[in-house]
Amino acid sequence: MKRALVIGASGGIGAALAADLSVRGWDVTGLSRRDDGLDVTDEAGIARLLQPLAAPFDRIVVATGALEIDGAGPEKTLKAMDPGVFAAQMALNALGPVLILKHTLRLLPRDRPAHFAALSARVGSIGDNRLGGWYSYRAAKAALNQLFHTAAIEVARTHPQATVAVLHPGTVATALGVVQRGKHPAVSPQEAAMNLNRVMDGLTPAQTGGFFDYAGQEIAW
């Protein structure tokens, strides 16, 4: 039986990812801030919660993140930039997932295919940025993409059959950014999870370090 670890398993997409894998016959372990006190910005706490887990896990997914932190939403102008908000976005959306990778790499098998993915966002693409705004969130997701692209190069040396990737789930009907989403069409968390799992199913080591959307299409950096 294949095993999966979902970080952020109490959130909309995280819970749906765990449920979809369970239905497909995977043995799923979920960790979250709500249920387990997991704070991805606290490395000591990450290490403590992950230490009891035993290898191997065939799939590890980080489904954490926030568009708004402590009530501070995306900035529309330079005048709205705040150093504290920027630092908080970087800590949660960029550093957090790579700390999870740091402490779970030991859980990935070295002798067979495995996947490690974190949820990113298309707005983290520098090449696709045509609207501006959302400075801190965009920068944090761009940083996440760079961190995972860099880590994938290192991981390939010790885990040659592993694929490390960042994934854009599309616009999903969750509490994340409900105000900013407005009337923009959105899919359910369940549909998003099925799409993401399907994409991970198809990713190969030749694609490690990549940035892909919910349909498996590569997104410009």
C-alpha atoms as a PDB file:
ATOM      1  CA  MET A   1       0.000   0.000   0.000  1.00  0.00           C
ATOM      2  CA  LYS A   2       1.301   3.432  -0.923  1.00  0.00           C
ATOM      3  CA  ARG A   3       1.704   5.983   1.857  1.00  0.00           C
ATOM      4  CA  ALA A   4       1.154   9.735   1.758  1.00  0.00           C
ATOM      5  CA  LEU A   5       1.837  12.568   4.175  1.00  0.00           C
ATOM      6  CA  VAL A   6      -0.325  15.676   3.836  1.00  0.00           C
ATOM      7  CA  ILE A   7       0.828  18.795   5.670  1.00  0.00           C
ATOM      8  CA  GLY A   8      -2.073  21.179   6.180  1.00  0.00           C
ATOM      9  CA  ALA A   9      -4.590  18.343   6.208  1.00  0.00           C
ATOM     10  CA  SER A  10      -7.301  20.335   7.980  1.00  0.00           C
ATOM     11  CA  GLY A  11      -7.501  23.023   5.284  1.00  0.00           C
ATOM     12  CA  GLY A  12      -9.822  22.969   2.298  1.00  0.00           C
ATOM     13  CA  ILE A  13      -7.391  21.647  -0.291  1.00  0.00           C
ATOM     14  CA  GLY A  14      -5.317  19.639   2.190  1.00  0.00           C
ATOM     15  CA  ALA A  15      -8.333  17.785   3.547  1.00  0.00           C
ATOM     16  CA  ALA A  16      -9.554  17.088   0.024  1.00  0.00           C
ATOM     17  CA  LEU A  17      -6.133  15.800  -1.040  1.00  0.00           C
ATOM     18  CA  ALA A  18      -6.067  13.425   1.925  1.00  0.00           C
ATOM     19  CA  ALA A  19      -9.611  12.240   1.258  1.00  0.00           C
ATOM     20  CA  ASP A  20      -8.976  11.643  -2.440  1.00  0.00           C
ATOM     21  CA  LEU A  21      -5.865   9.606  -1.728  1.00  0.00           C
ATOM     22  CA  SER A  22      -7.677   7.597   0.945  1.00  0.00           C
ATOM     23  CA  VAL A  23     -10.475   6.732  -1.491  1.00  0.00           C
ATOM     24  CA  ARG A  24      -7.831   5.560  -3.925  1.00  0.00           C
ATOM     25  CA  GLY A  25      -6.466   3.131  -1.325  1.00  0.00           C
ATOM     26  CA  TRP A  26      -3.503   5.104   0.010  1.00  0.00           C
ATOM     27  CA  ASP A  27      -2.516   5.053   3.673  1.00  0.00           C
ATOM     28  CA  VAL A  28      -2.667   8.762   4.525  1.00  0.00           C
ATOM     29  CA  THR A  29      -1.123  10.600   7.469  1.00  0.00           C
ATOM     30  CA  GLY A  30      -2.255  14.175   7.963  1.00  0.00           C
ATOM     31  CA  LEU A  31      -0.784  16.957  10.070  1.00  0.00           C
ATOM     32  CA  SER A  32      -2.106  20.459  10.556  1.00  0.00           C
ATOM     33  CA  ARG A  33      -1.965  23.506  12.749  1.00  0.00           C
ATOM     34  CA  ARG A  34      -5.565  23.066  13.897  1.00  0.00           C
ATOM     35  CA  ASP A  35      -5.353  19.391  14.838  1.00  0.00           C
ATOM     36  CA  ASP A  36      -1.683  18.947  15.733  1.00  0.00           C
ATOM     37  CA  GLY A  37      -0.349  22.408  16.530  1.00  0.00           C
ATOM     38  CA  LEU A  38       1.957  22.353  13.506  1.00  0.00           C
ATOM     39  CA  ASP A  39       3.361  25.826  12.857  1.00  0.00           C
ATOM     40  CA  VAL A  40       5.417  25.693   9.664  1.00  0.00           C
ATOM     41  CA  THR A  41       7.296  28.832  10.715  1.00  0.00           C
ATOM     42  CA  ASP A  42       8.600  27.100  13.861  1.00  0.00           C
ATOM     43  CA  GLU A  43      11.426  24.743  12.911  1.00  0.00           C
ATOM     44  CA  ALA A  44      11.760  23.227  16.365  1.00  0.00           C
ATOM     45  CA  GLY A  45       8.046  22.434  16.374  1.00  0.00           C
ATOM     46  CA  ILE A  46       8.262  20.940  12.889  1.00  0.00           C
ATOM     47  CA  ALA A  47      11.111  18.669  13.930  1.00  0.00           C
ATOM     48  CA  ARG A  48       9.289  17.569  17.070  1.00  0.00           C
ATOM     49  CA  LEU A  49       6.082  16.617  15.255  1.00  0.00           C
ATOM     50  CA  LEU A  50       7.773  14.889  12.344  1.00  0.00           C
ATOM     51  CA  GLN A  51      10.359  12.961  14.357  1.00  0.00           C
ATOM     52  CA  PRO A  52       8.027  10.043  15.233  1.00  0.00           C
ATOM     53  CA  LEU A  53       7.139   9.395  11.578  1.00  0.00           C
ATOM     54  CA  ALA A  54       8.776   6.399   9.957  1.00  0.00           C
ATOM     55  CA  ALA A  55       9.819   6.087   6.328  1.00  0.00           C
ATOM     56  CA  PRO A  56       8.918   5.602   3.598  1.00  0.00           C
ATOM     57  CA  PHE A  57       6.238   7.930   2.254  1.00  0.00           C
ATOM     58  CA  ASP A  58       5.597   7.754  -1.491  1.00  0.00           C
ATOM     59  CA  ARG A  59       4.008  11.202  -1.604  1.00  0.00           C
ATOM     60  CA  ILE A  60       4.410  14.249   0.627  1.00  0.00           C
ATOM     61  CA  VAL A  61       2.314  17.324  -0.056  1.00  0.00           C
ATOM     62  CA  VAL A  62       2.519  20.690   1.679  1.00  0.00           C
ATOM     63  CA  ALA A  63      -0.898  22.328   1.435  1.00  0.00           C
ATOM     64  CA  THR A  64      -0.298  25.168   3.877  1.00  0.00           C
ATOM     65  CA  GLY A  65      -0.326  28.898   3.191  1.00  0.00           C
ATOM     66  CA  ALA A  66      -2.348  32.065   3.517  1.00  0.00           C
ATOM     67  CA  LEU A  67      -3.272  34.992   1.326  1.00  0.00           C
ATOM     68  CA  GLU A  68      -4.180  37.077   4.373  1.00  0.00           C
ATOM     69  CA  ILE A  69      -2.189  37.001   7.606  1.00  0.00           C
ATOM     70  CA  ASP A  70      -3.547  38.666  10.742  1.00  0.00           C
ATOM     71  CA  GLY A  71      -6.117  40.512   8.674  1.00  0.00           C
ATOM     72  CA  ALA A  72      -3.596  42.004   6.245  1.00  0.00           C
ATOM     73  CA  GLY A  73      -4.726  41.308   2.710  1.00  0.00           C
ATOM     74  CA  PRO A  74      -2.822  41.677  -0.570  1.00  0.00           C
ATOM     75  CA  GLU A  75      -1.431  45.151  -1.235  1.00  0.00           C
ATOM     76  CA  LYS A  76      -2.750  46.989  -4.265  1.00  0.00           C
ATOM     77  CA  THR A  77      -0.126  49.742  -4.251  1.00  0.00           C
ATOM     78  CA  LEU A  78       3.448  50.385  -3.176  1.00  0.00           C
ATOM     79  CA  LYS A  79       2.114  52.752  -0.514  1.00  0.00           C
ATOM     80  CA  ALA A  80       0.448  49.792   1.182  1.00  0.00           C
ATOM     81  CA  MET A  81       3.701  47.829   1.565  1.00  0.00           C
ATOM     82  CA  ASP A  82       4.430  46.935   5.190  1.00  0.00           C
ATOM     83  CA  PRO A  83       7.696  45.278   6.314  1.00  0.00           C
ATOM     84  CA  GLY A  84       5.961  43.151   8.937  1.00  0.00           C
ATOM     85  CA  VAL A  85       3.373  41.837   6.488  1.00  0.00           C
ATOM     86  CA  PHE A  86       6.093  41.080   3.951  1.00  0.00           C
ATOM     87  CA  ALA A  87       8.159  39.157   6.508  1.00  0.00           C
ATOM     88  CA  ALA A  88       5.112  37.180   7.661  1.00  0.00           C
ATOM     89  CA  GLN A  89       4.255  36.200   4.080  1.00  0.00           C
ATOM     90  CA  MET A  90       7.804  35.046   3.447  1.00  0.00           C
ATOM     91  CA  ALA A  91       7.897  33.020   6.658  1.00  0.00           C
ATOM     92  CA  LEU A  92       4.597  31.228   6.056  1.00  0.00           C
ATOM     93  CA  ASN A  93       4.426  30.840   2.289  1.00  0.00           C
ATOM     94  CA  ALA A  94       8.091  30.453   1.326  1.00  0.00           C
ATOM     95  CA  LEU A  95      10.214  29.337   4.260  1.00  0.00           C
ATOM     96  CA  GLY A  96       7.595  27.081   5.865  1.00  0.00           C
ATOM     97  CA  PRO A  97       7.265  24.567   3.012  1.00  0.00           C
ATOM     98  CA  VAL A  98      11.010  24.281   2.494  1.00  0.00           C
ATOM     99  CA  LEU A  99      11.485  23.621   6.225  1.00  0.00           C
ATOM    100  CA  ILE A 100       9.009  20.776   5.840  1.00  0.00           C
ATOM    101  CA  LEU A 101      11.069  19.441   2.945  1.00  0.00           C
ATOM    102  CA  LYS A 102      14.231  19.752   5.047  1.00  0.00           C
ATOM    103  CA  HIS A 103      12.752  17.618   7.825  1.00  0.00           C
ATOM    104  CA  THR A 104      10.892  15.077   5.685  1.00  0.00           C
ATOM    105  CA  LEU A 105      13.516  14.282   3.071  1.00  0.00           C
ATOM    106  CA  ARG A 106      14.548  11.295   5.204  1.00  0.00           C
ATOM    107  CA  LEU A 107      11.022   9.926   4.741  1.00  0.00           C
ATOM    108  CA  LEU A 108      11.221   9.691   0.939  1.00  0.00           C
ATOM    109  CA  PRO A 109      12.331   6.341  -0.493  1.00  0.00           C
ATOM    110  CA  ARG A 110      15.618   6.259  -2.400  1.00  0.00           C
ATOM    111  CA  ASP A 111      14.895   3.079  -4.373  1.00  0.00           C
ATOM    112  CA  ARG A 112      11.610   3.899  -6.112  1.00  0.00           C
ATOM    113  CA  PRO A 113       9.598   6.846  -7.487  1.00  0.00           C
ATOM    114  CA  ALA A 114       8.256   9.364  -4.974  1.00  0.00           C
ATOM    115  CA  HIS A 115       6.760  12.835  -5.093  1.00  0.00           C
ATOM    116  CA  PHE A 116       7.153  15.901  -2.916  1.00  0.00           C
ATOM    117  CA  ALA A 117       4.989  18.882  -3.821  1.00  0.00           C
ATOM    118  CA  ALA A 118       4.035  22.206  -2.317  1.00  0.00           C
ATOM    119  CA  LEU A 119       1.127  24.394  -3.314  1.00  0.00           C
ATOM    120  CA  SER A 120       2.255  27.573  -5.015  1.00  0.00           C
ATOM    121  CA  ALA A 121       0.213  30.060  -7.074  1.00  0.00           C
ATOM    122  CA  ARG A 122       0.302  31.395 -10.601  1.00  0.00           C
ATOM    123  CA  VAL A 123       0.684  34.905  -9.185  1.00  0.00           C
ATOM    124  CA  GLY A 124       4.156  33.801  -8.066  1.00  0.00           C
ATOM    125  CA  SER A 125       5.212  33.690 -11.708  1.00  0.00           C
ATOM    126  CA  ILE A 126       7.360  36.671 -12.664  1.00  0.00           C
ATOM    127  CA  GLY A 127       6.920  35.987 -16.375  1.00  0.00           C
ATOM    128  CA  ASP A 128       3.131  35.795 -16.090  1.00  0.00           C
ATOM    129  CA  ASN A 129       2.725  38.964 -13.991  1.00  0.00           C
ATOM    130  CA  ARG A 130       0.715  41.441 -16.047  1.00  0.00           C
ATOM    131  CA  LEU A 131      -1.510  43.029 -13.411  1.00  0.00           C
ATOM    132  CA  GLY A 132       0.913  44.032 -10.649  1.00  0.00           C
ATOM    133  CA  GLY A 133      -0.131  44.415  -7.021  1.00  0.00           C
ATOM    134  CA  TRP A 134      -0.161  41.726  -4.342  1.00  0.00           C
ATOM    135  CA  TYR A 135       3.508  42.470  -3.639  1.00  0.00           C
ATOM    136  CA  SER A 136       4.145  40.351  -0.560  1.00  0.00           C
ATOM    137  CA  TYR A 137       2.124  37.298  -1.622  1.00  0.00           C
ATOM    138  CA  ARG A 138       3.593  37.321  -5.132  1.00  0.00           C
ATOM    139  CA  ALA A 139       7.116  37.644  -3.754  1.00  0.00           C
ATOM    140  CA  ALA A 140       6.588  34.847  -1.223  1.00  0.00           C
ATOM    141  CA  LYS A 141       5.307  32.443  -3.870  1.00  0.00           C
ATOM    142  CA  ALA A 142       8.124  33.402  -6.241  1.00  0.00           C
ATOM    143  CA  ALA A 143      10.578  32.714  -3.414  1.00  0.00           C
ATOM    144  CA  LEU A 144       8.900  29.357  -2.757  1.00  0.00           C
ATOM    145  CA  ASN A 145       9.308  28.445  -6.415  1.00  0.00           C
ATOM    146  CA  GLN A 146      13.011  29.324  -6.337  1.00  0.00           C
ATOM    147  CA  LEU A 147      13.602  27.418  -3.099  1.00  0.00           C
ATOM    148  CA  PHE A 148      11.967  24.262  -4.449  1.00  0.00           C
ATOM    149  CA  HIS A 149      13.699  24.498  -7.811  1.00  0.00           C
ATOM    150  CA  THR A 150      17.020  24.760  -5.973  1.00  0.00           C
ATOM    151  CA  ALA A 151      16.184  21.966  -3.522  1.00  0.00           C
ATOM    152  CA  ALA A 152      15.153  19.662  -6.363  1.00  0.00           C
ATOM    153  CA  ILE A 153      18.690  19.799  -7.745  1.00  0.00           C
ATOM    154  CA  GLU A 154      20.104  18.663  -4.412  1.00  0.00           C
ATOM    155  CA  VAL A 155      17.411  16.042  -3.776  1.00  0.00           C
ATOM    156  CA  ALA A 156      18.084  14.451  -7.186  1.00  0.00           C
ATOM    157  CA  ARG A 157      21.593  13.545  -6.036  1.00  0.00           C
ATOM    158  CA  THR A 158      20.370  11.374  -3.161  1.00  0.00           C
ATOM    159  CA  HIS A 159      16.890  10.451  -4.411  1.00  0.00           C
ATOM    160  CA  PRO A 160      17.239  10.049  -8.186  1.00  0.00           C
ATOM    161  CA  GLN A 161      13.722   8.682  -8.623  1.00  0.00           C
ATOM    162  CA  ALA A 162      12.032  11.481  -6.662  1.00  0.00           C
ATOM    163  CA  THR A 163      10.159  14.388  -8.198  1.00  0.00           C
ATOM    164  CA  VAL A 164      10.019  17.699  -6.338  1.00  0.00           C
ATOM    165  CA  ALA A 165       7.565  20.258  -7.697  1.00  0.00           C
ATOM    166  CA  VAL A 166       5.438  23.301  -6.966  1.00  0.00           C
ATOM    167  CA  LEU A 167       1.810  23.196  -8.073  1.00  0.00           C
ATOM    168  CA  HIS A 168      -0.805  25.835  -8.860  1.00  0.00           C
ATOM    169  CA  PRO A 169      -4.223  24.437  -7.862  1.00  0.00           C
ATOM    170  CA  GLY A 170      -6.232  27.020  -9.794  1.00  0.00           C
ATOM    171  CA  THR A 171      -8.911  29.169  -8.198  1.00  0.00           C
ATOM    172  CA  VAL A 172     -10.455  27.042  -5.479  1.00  0.00           C
ATOM    173  CA  ALA A 173     -13.602  27.731  -3.451  1.00  0.00           C
ATOM    174  CA  THR A 174     -12.009  27.799  -0.002  1.00  0.00           C
ATOM    175  CA  ALA A 175     -11.797  30.408   2.745  1.00  0.00           C
ATOM    176  CA  LEU A 176      -8.403  31.441   1.358  1.00  0.00           C
ATOM    177  CA  GLY A 177      -8.910  34.762  -0.393  1.00  0.00           C
ATOM    178  CA  VAL A 178     -12.687  34.527  -0.608  1.00  0.00           C
ATOM    179  CA  VAL A 179     -12.996  38.318  -0.654  1.00  0.00           C
ATOM    180  CA  GLN A 180     -10.293  38.781  -3.298  1.00  0.00           C
ATOM    181  CA  ARG A 181     -11.732  35.978  -5.417  1.00  0.00           C
ATOM    182  CA  GLY A 182     -14.996  37.829  -5.853  1.00  0.00           C
ATOM    183  CA  LYS A 183     -17.031  36.404  -8.740  1.00  0.00           C
ATOM    184  CA  HIS A 184     -14.076  34.699 -10.382  1.00  0.00           C
ATOM    185  CA  PRO A 185     -14.989  31.096 -11.329  1.00  0.00           C
ATOM    186  CA  ALA A 186     -13.684  28.581  -8.810  1.00  0.00           C
ATOM    187  CA  VAL A 187     -13.610  24.797  -8.523  1.00  0.00           C
ATOM    188  CA  SER A 188     -14.405  22.840  -5.383  1.00  0.00           C
ATOM    189  CA  PRO A 189     -11.585  21.621  -3.137  1.00  0.00           C
ATOM    190  CA  GLN A 190     -12.521  18.069  -4.114  1.00  0.00           C
ATOM    191  CA  GLU A 191     -12.095  18.785  -7.827  1.00  0.00           C
ATOM    192  CA  ALA A 192      -8.865  20.660  -7.186  1.00  0.00           C
ATOM    193  CA  ALA A 193      -7.512  17.725  -5.159  1.00  0.00           C
ATOM    194  CA  MET A 194      -8.326  15.211  -7.873  1.00  0.00           C
ATOM    195  CA  ASN A 195      -6.606  17.445 -10.427  1.00  0.00           C
ATOM    196  CA  LEU A 196      -3.504  17.862  -8.272  1.00  0.00           C
ATOM    197  CA  ASN A 197      -3.207  14.163  -7.471  1.00  0.00           C
ATOM    198  CA  ARG A 198      -3.589  13.368 -11.161  1.00  0.00           C
ATOM    199  CA  VAL A 199      -0.783  15.800 -11.990  1.00  0.00           C
ATOM    200  CA  MET A 200       1.495  14.287  -9.342  1.00  0.00           C
ATOM    201  CA  ASP A 201       0.708  10.808 -10.635  1.00  0.00           C
ATOM    202  CA  GLY A 202       2.107  11.810 -14.017  1.00  0.00           C
ATOM    203  CA  LEU A 203       5.202  13.757 -12.987  1.00  0.00           C
ATOM    204  CA  THR A 204       8.533  12.040 -13.596  1.00  0.00           C
ATOM    205  CA  PRO A 205      12.049  12.712 -12.275  1.00  0.00           C
ATOM    206  CA  ALA A 206      12.814  14.427 -15.587  1.00  0.00           C
ATOM    207  CA  GLN A 207      10.359  17.141 -14.477  1.00  0.00           C
ATOM    208  CA  THR A 208      11.719  17.613 -10.976  1.00  0.00           C
ATOM    209  CA  GLY A 209      12.095  21.216  -9.920  1.00  0.00           C
ATOM    210  CA  GLY A 210       9.221  22.324 -12.134  1.00  0.00           C
ATOM    211  CA  PHE A 211       6.213  24.614 -11.638  1.00  0.00           C
ATOM    212  CA  PHE A 212       2.963  23.118 -12.932  1.00  0.00           C
ATOM    213  CA  ASP A 213      -0.725  23.994 -12.950  1.00  0.00           C
ATOM    214  CA  TYR A 214      -3.718  21.796 -12.144  1.00  0.00           C
ATOM    215  CA  ALA A 215      -3.758  20.460 -15.712  1.00  0.00           C
ATOM    216  CA  GLY A 216      -0.093  19.508 -15.669  1.00  0.00           C
ATOM    217  CA  GLN A 217       0.985  22.436 -17.846  1.00  0.00           C
ATOM    218  CA  GLU A 218       4.304  24.068 -16.981  1.00  0.00           C
ATOM    219  CA  ILE A 219       4.079  27.672 -15.767  1.00  0.00           C
ATOM    220  CA  ALA A 220       6.660  30.310 -16.604  1.00  0.00           C
ATOM    221  CA  TRP A 221       8.974  31.314 -13.777  1.00  0.00           C
END
